[in-house]
Amino acid sequence: MESNRIVPNSDTQRPPQPVRQQELLEQVHDKVTEIAAGMEKKQIAEYLQLMNDPKRLLWLNLISGVARGVGIAFGITAFTTGLLYLLKGLGALDLPIIGGFIADLIEHVQYQMRRY
C-alpha cells in the first residue's frame, strides 16, 4: 500500500542548505560574542580565578575584615566624642530635667575614663 502523504517541494519552501547554515552560524557567533561581552563586563573570569585560589581569597577577606573593623572603631570613636561634647554643652545650659541627667552621664563617663 502506498501512503497518501503529500511531500512539499523542498526547493520552494526552504532556502538552499549552505545559506541556512551560514545564517545559523552567524546567529550563534553573535550570541556567543554577546555572552562573552556580558561575562567580561561582570568579571566572571576574575571571580572564578579568585575562587580557585583559596589562599588569596582568605588573605583578601582578612584584609577587608581588618579594614572594616578599624573603620568601625574610628567611626564610633568620632561619633561618641561628638556626642559627649554636645552633651557637655547641654549640661552647661543647666536645663531643669535634662541638665541633671546629662551631668550624671558625664560624671559616669569621666569616672570610667579615669579608671582605665
N, C-alpha and C. Protein backbone atom coordinates (compact mmCIF):
# COMPACT_ATOMS: atom_id res chain seq x y z
N MET A 1 0.81 -1.17 0.00
CA MET A 1 0.00 0.00 0.00
C MET A 1 0.86 1.24 0.00
N GLU A 2 0.40 2.14 -0.72
CA GLU A 2 1.08 3.42 -0.81
C GLU A 2 0.49 4.39 0.18
N SER A 3 1.33 5.25 0.77
CA SER A 3 0.78 6.27 1.65
C SER A 3 0.36 7.46 0.81
N ASN A 4 -0.65 8.12 1.24
CA ASN A 4 -1.19 9.26 0.51
C ASN A 4 -0.66 10.59 1.05
N ARG A 5 0.53 10.58 1.54
CA ARG A 5 1.10 11.83 2.07
C ARG A 5 1.58 12.70 0.93
N ILE A 6 1.40 13.98 1.15
CA ILE A 6 1.89 14.94 0.16
C ILE A 6 3.19 15.49 0.68
N VAL A 7 4.22 15.35 -0.08
CA VAL A 7 5.54 15.85 0.32
C VAL A 7 5.74 17.19 -0.38
N PRO A 8 5.95 18.26 0.42
CA PRO A 8 6.14 19.56 -0.22
C PRO A 8 7.46 19.60 -0.97
N ASN A 9 7.48 20.44 -1.93
CA ASN A 9 8.68 20.62 -2.73
C ASN A 9 9.72 21.33 -1.86
N SER A 10 10.83 20.69 -1.61
CA SER A 10 11.82 21.23 -0.69
C SER A 10 12.52 22.46 -1.27
N ASP A 11 12.56 22.61 -2.58
CA ASP A 11 13.24 23.75 -3.18
C ASP A 11 12.46 25.05 -2.99
N THR A 12 11.15 24.98 -2.91
CA THR A 12 10.37 26.21 -2.82
C THR A 12 10.17 26.65 -1.38
N GLN A 13 10.21 25.74 -0.42
CA GLN A 13 9.91 26.11 0.95
C GLN A 13 11.14 26.44 1.78
N ARG A 14 12.24 25.82 1.57
CA ARG A 14 13.43 26.08 2.37
C ARG A 14 14.52 26.67 1.48
N PRO A 15 15.30 27.59 2.06
CA PRO A 15 16.42 28.10 1.28
C PRO A 15 17.46 27.00 1.11
N PRO A 16 18.33 27.18 0.17
CA PRO A 16 19.38 26.17 -0.01
C PRO A 16 20.15 25.98 1.30
N GLN A 17 20.61 24.77 1.54
CA GLN A 17 21.23 24.39 2.80
C GLN A 17 22.44 25.24 3.18
N PRO A 18 23.39 25.56 2.32
CA PRO A 18 24.56 26.34 2.74
C PRO A 18 24.18 27.74 3.25
N VAL A 19 23.18 28.39 2.67
CA VAL A 19 22.78 29.73 3.11
C VAL A 19 22.18 29.63 4.51
N ARG A 20 21.36 28.63 4.75
CA ARG A 20 20.74 28.45 6.07
C ARG A 20 21.80 28.15 7.12
N GLN A 21 22.76 27.33 6.81
CA GLN A 21 23.83 27.03 7.76
C GLN A 21 24.64 28.28 8.07
N GLN A 22 24.90 29.08 7.05
CA GLN A 22 25.66 30.31 7.25
C GLN A 22 24.90 31.27 8.18
N GLU A 23 23.60 31.38 7.97
CA GLU A 23 22.79 32.24 8.84
C GLU A 23 22.82 31.74 10.28
N LEU A 24 22.68 30.44 10.45
CA LEU A 24 22.71 29.87 11.80
C LEU A 24 24.06 30.09 12.46
N LEU A 25 25.13 29.91 11.70
CA LEU A 25 26.46 30.14 12.25
C LEU A 25 26.65 31.60 12.66
N GLU A 26 26.13 32.52 11.86
CA GLU A 26 26.24 33.94 12.21
C GLU A 26 25.44 34.25 13.47
N GLN A 27 24.25 33.65 13.58
CA GLN A 27 23.44 33.86 14.78
C GLN A 27 24.13 33.31 16.02
N VAL A 28 24.70 32.13 15.91
CA VAL A 28 25.43 31.52 17.03
C VAL A 28 26.64 32.37 17.39
N HIS A 29 27.36 32.84 16.38
CA HIS A 29 28.54 33.69 16.63
C HIS A 29 28.14 34.97 17.34
N ASP A 30 27.06 35.59 16.90
CA ASP A 30 26.59 36.83 17.55
C ASP A 30 26.20 36.57 19.00
N LYS A 31 25.51 35.46 19.24
CA LYS A 31 25.07 35.15 20.60
C LYS A 31 26.27 34.85 21.50
N VAL A 32 27.23 34.11 21.02
CA VAL A 32 28.43 33.79 21.80
C VAL A 32 29.22 35.07 22.10
N THR A 33 29.32 35.95 21.12
CA THR A 33 30.01 37.22 21.33
C THR A 33 29.29 38.05 22.39
N GLU A 34 27.97 38.05 22.34
CA GLU A 34 27.19 38.79 23.33
C GLU A 34 27.38 38.22 24.73
N ILE A 35 27.38 36.90 24.85
CA ILE A 35 27.59 36.25 26.15
C ILE A 35 28.99 36.54 26.68
N ALA A 36 29.99 36.46 25.80
CA ALA A 36 31.37 36.73 26.22
C ALA A 36 31.53 38.17 26.70
N ALA A 37 30.89 39.10 26.01
CA ALA A 37 30.96 40.51 26.43
C ALA A 37 30.29 40.69 27.78
N GLY A 38 29.17 40.03 28.00
CA GLY A 38 28.50 40.11 29.30
C GLY A 38 29.33 39.53 30.41
N MET A 39 30.00 38.40 30.14
CA MET A 39 30.86 37.80 31.15
C MET A 39 32.03 38.71 31.46
N GLU A 40 32.58 39.32 30.45
CA GLU A 40 33.71 40.23 30.66
C GLU A 40 33.26 41.44 31.47
N LYS A 41 32.07 41.93 31.18
CA LYS A 41 31.55 43.09 31.90
C LYS A 41 31.33 42.75 33.38
N LYS A 42 30.86 41.55 33.65
CA LYS A 42 30.58 41.15 35.02
C LYS A 42 31.80 40.56 35.72
N GLN A 43 32.90 40.47 35.05
CA GLN A 43 34.17 40.00 35.59
C GLN A 43 34.06 38.60 36.20
N ILE A 44 33.35 37.74 35.51
CA ILE A 44 33.17 36.38 36.00
C ILE A 44 34.49 35.62 35.98
N ALA A 45 35.34 35.88 35.00
CA ALA A 45 36.61 35.18 34.92
C ALA A 45 37.47 35.48 36.14
N GLU A 46 37.52 36.74 36.56
CA GLU A 46 38.31 37.10 37.73
C GLU A 46 37.73 36.47 38.99
N TYR A 47 36.42 36.42 39.06
CA TYR A 47 35.76 35.80 40.21
C TYR A 47 36.10 34.31 40.29
N LEU A 48 36.02 33.63 39.17
CA LEU A 48 36.36 32.20 39.15
C LEU A 48 37.82 31.97 39.49
N GLN A 49 38.69 32.85 39.02
CA GLN A 49 40.11 32.75 39.33
C GLN A 49 40.32 32.92 40.84
N LEU A 50 39.61 33.85 41.45
CA LEU A 50 39.70 34.06 42.89
C LEU A 50 39.18 32.85 43.66
N MET A 51 38.09 32.26 43.19
CA MET A 51 37.52 31.09 43.87
C MET A 51 38.46 29.88 43.80
N ASN A 52 39.29 29.83 42.77
CA ASN A 52 40.21 28.70 42.62
C ASN A 52 41.51 28.91 43.37
N ASP A 53 41.69 30.05 44.05
CA ASP A 53 42.90 30.33 44.81
C ASP A 53 42.51 30.63 46.26
N PRO A 54 42.36 29.58 47.10
CA PRO A 54 41.85 29.79 48.46
C PRO A 54 42.76 30.68 49.32
N LYS A 55 44.06 30.60 49.13
CA LYS A 55 44.97 31.43 49.94
C LYS A 55 44.72 32.91 49.67
N ARG A 56 44.60 33.26 48.41
CA ARG A 56 44.36 34.66 48.05
C ARG A 56 43.00 35.11 48.56
N LEU A 57 42.00 34.24 48.46
CA LEU A 57 40.65 34.56 48.94
C LEU A 57 40.67 34.83 50.44
N LEU A 58 41.34 33.98 51.21
CA LEU A 58 41.44 34.18 52.65
C LEU A 58 42.17 35.47 52.98
N TRP A 59 43.27 35.74 52.27
CA TRP A 59 44.04 36.95 52.51
C TRP A 59 43.20 38.20 52.25
N LEU A 60 42.50 38.23 51.13
CA LEU A 60 41.67 39.38 50.80
C LEU A 60 40.55 39.57 51.82
N ASN A 61 39.95 38.46 52.26
CA ASN A 61 38.89 38.56 53.26
C ASN A 61 39.44 39.04 54.61
N LEU A 62 40.64 38.60 54.96
CA LEU A 62 41.27 39.05 56.21
C LEU A 62 41.54 40.55 56.16
N ILE A 63 42.12 41.01 55.07
CA ILE A 63 42.44 42.44 54.93
C ILE A 63 41.15 43.28 54.94
N SER A 64 40.14 42.83 54.23
CA SER A 64 38.89 43.61 54.20
C SER A 64 38.22 43.61 55.57
N GLY A 65 38.30 42.50 56.31
CA GLY A 65 37.72 42.45 57.65
C GLY A 65 38.43 43.38 58.62
N VAL A 66 39.77 43.40 58.54
CA VAL A 66 40.54 44.31 59.41
C VAL A 66 40.22 45.75 59.08
N ALA A 67 40.17 46.09 57.80
CA ALA A 67 39.86 47.46 57.39
C ALA A 67 38.46 47.86 57.85
N ARG A 68 37.52 46.95 57.73
CA ARG A 68 36.16 47.24 58.17
C ARG A 68 36.12 47.47 59.69
N GLY A 69 36.84 46.64 60.45
CA GLY A 69 36.88 46.77 61.90
C GLY A 69 37.51 48.08 62.34
N VAL A 70 38.62 48.45 61.70
CA VAL A 70 39.29 49.72 62.03
C VAL A 70 38.38 50.89 61.69
N GLY A 71 37.72 50.82 60.56
CA GLY A 71 36.80 51.89 60.17
C GLY A 71 35.65 52.05 61.15
N ILE A 72 35.11 50.93 61.60
CA ILE A 72 34.01 50.99 62.57
C ILE A 72 34.51 51.59 63.89
N ALA A 73 35.71 51.18 64.31
CA ALA A 73 36.26 51.71 65.57
C ALA A 73 36.46 53.22 65.49
N PHE A 74 37.04 53.70 64.40
CA PHE A 74 37.24 55.14 64.24
C PHE A 74 35.90 55.86 64.16
N GLY A 75 34.96 55.30 63.47
CA GLY A 75 33.65 55.93 63.33
C GLY A 75 32.93 56.05 64.66
N ILE A 76 32.94 54.98 65.44
CA ILE A 76 32.28 55.02 66.75
C ILE A 76 32.98 56.01 67.67
N THR A 77 34.31 56.04 67.61
CA THR A 77 35.06 56.98 68.45
C THR A 77 34.71 58.41 68.11
N ALA A 78 34.69 58.73 66.83
CA ALA A 78 34.36 60.10 66.41
C ALA A 78 32.92 60.45 66.79
N PHE A 79 32.01 59.52 66.60
CA PHE A 79 30.61 59.78 66.93
C PHE A 79 30.41 60.02 68.42
N THR A 80 30.98 59.15 69.25
CA THR A 80 30.80 59.31 70.70
C THR A 80 31.49 60.56 71.22
N THR A 81 32.64 60.91 70.63
CA THR A 81 33.31 62.14 71.03
C THR A 81 32.42 63.35 70.74
N GLY A 82 31.86 63.39 69.56
CA GLY A 82 30.95 64.48 69.22
C GLY A 82 29.73 64.51 70.11
N LEU A 83 29.19 63.33 70.40
CA LEU A 83 28.03 63.25 71.28
C LEU A 83 28.35 63.74 72.68
N LEU A 84 29.52 63.38 73.20
CA LEU A 84 29.91 63.84 74.54
C LEU A 84 30.09 65.35 74.59
N TYR A 85 30.70 65.92 73.55
CA TYR A 85 30.84 67.37 73.52
C TYR A 85 29.47 68.05 73.48
N LEU A 86 28.56 67.47 72.71
CA LEU A 86 27.21 68.02 72.64
C LEU A 86 26.52 67.93 74.00
N LEU A 87 26.65 66.78 74.65
CA LEU A 87 26.03 66.61 75.97
C LEU A 87 26.66 67.53 77.01
N LYS A 88 27.96 67.72 76.92
CA LYS A 88 28.65 68.62 77.85
C LYS A 88 28.13 70.06 77.66
N GLY A 89 27.93 70.44 76.41
CA GLY A 89 27.38 71.77 76.14
C GLY A 89 25.96 71.91 76.65
N LEU A 90 25.15 70.86 76.49
CA LEU A 90 23.78 70.88 77.01
C LEU A 90 23.77 70.90 78.54
N GLY A 91 24.73 70.22 79.15
CA GLY A 91 24.83 70.21 80.61
C GLY A 91 25.16 71.59 81.14
N ALA A 92 25.94 72.36 80.39
CA ALA A 92 26.31 73.70 80.82
C ALA A 92 25.13 74.66 80.72
N LEU A 93 24.12 74.33 79.92
CA LEU A 93 22.95 75.19 79.79
C LEU A 93 22.06 75.16 81.03
N ASP A 94 22.26 74.15 81.87
CA ASP A 94 21.51 73.99 83.11
C ASP A 94 20.00 73.93 82.86
N LEU A 95 19.63 73.03 81.99
CA LEU A 95 18.21 72.78 81.75
C LEU A 95 17.65 71.98 82.93
N PRO A 96 16.43 72.23 83.35
CA PRO A 96 15.92 71.63 84.58
C PRO A 96 15.94 70.10 84.62
N ILE A 97 15.34 69.43 83.67
CA ILE A 97 15.23 67.96 83.73
C ILE A 97 16.43 67.32 83.06
N ILE A 98 16.76 67.81 81.89
CA ILE A 98 17.81 67.18 81.09
C ILE A 98 19.18 67.46 81.69
N GLY A 99 19.37 68.63 82.29
CA GLY A 99 20.68 69.01 82.81
C GLY A 99 21.21 68.05 83.85
N GLY A 100 20.36 67.63 84.79
CA GLY A 100 20.79 66.69 85.83
C GLY A 100 21.16 65.34 85.24
N PHE A 101 20.34 64.88 84.31
CA PHE A 101 20.62 63.59 83.67
C PHE A 101 21.94 63.62 82.91
N ILE A 102 22.15 64.70 82.16
CA ILE A 102 23.38 64.83 81.38
C ILE A 102 24.58 64.95 82.30
N ALA A 103 24.45 65.70 83.40
CA ALA A 103 25.56 65.85 84.34
C ALA A 103 25.93 64.50 84.94
N ASP A 104 24.92 63.69 85.31
CA ASP A 104 25.19 62.35 85.85
C ASP A 104 25.88 61.47 84.81
N LEU A 105 25.42 61.56 83.58
CA LEU A 105 26.00 60.77 82.49
C LEU A 105 27.45 61.17 82.26
N ILE A 106 27.75 62.45 82.25
CA ILE A 106 29.12 62.92 82.02
C ILE A 106 30.02 62.50 83.18
N GLU A 107 29.52 62.60 84.42
CA GLU A 107 30.31 62.16 85.57
C GLU A 107 30.63 60.68 85.46
N HIS A 108 29.65 59.88 85.06
CA HIS A 108 29.86 58.44 84.91
C HIS A 108 30.92 58.15 83.84
N VAL A 109 30.84 58.83 82.71
CA VAL A 109 31.80 58.62 81.63
C VAL A 109 33.20 59.03 82.08
N GLN A 110 33.31 60.18 82.77
CA GLN A 110 34.62 60.63 83.23
C GLN A 110 35.19 59.67 84.27
N TYR A 111 34.35 59.13 85.14
CA TYR A 111 34.80 58.15 86.12
C TYR A 111 35.35 56.90 85.41
N GLN A 112 34.63 56.45 84.40
CA GLN A 112 35.07 55.27 83.65
C GLN A 112 36.39 55.54 82.92
N MET A 113 36.55 56.77 82.42
CA MET A 113 37.79 57.10 81.70
C MET A 113 38.97 57.17 82.68
N ARG A 114 38.76 57.65 83.91
CA ARG A 114 39.83 57.69 84.90
C ARG A 114 40.23 56.31 85.36
N ARG A 115 39.26 55.40 85.37
CA ARG A 115 39.52 54.05 85.81
C ARG A 115 40.50 53.31 84.89
N TYR A 116 40.44 53.60 83.64
CA TYR A 116 41.32 52.91 82.69
C TYR A 116 42.45 53.81 82.37
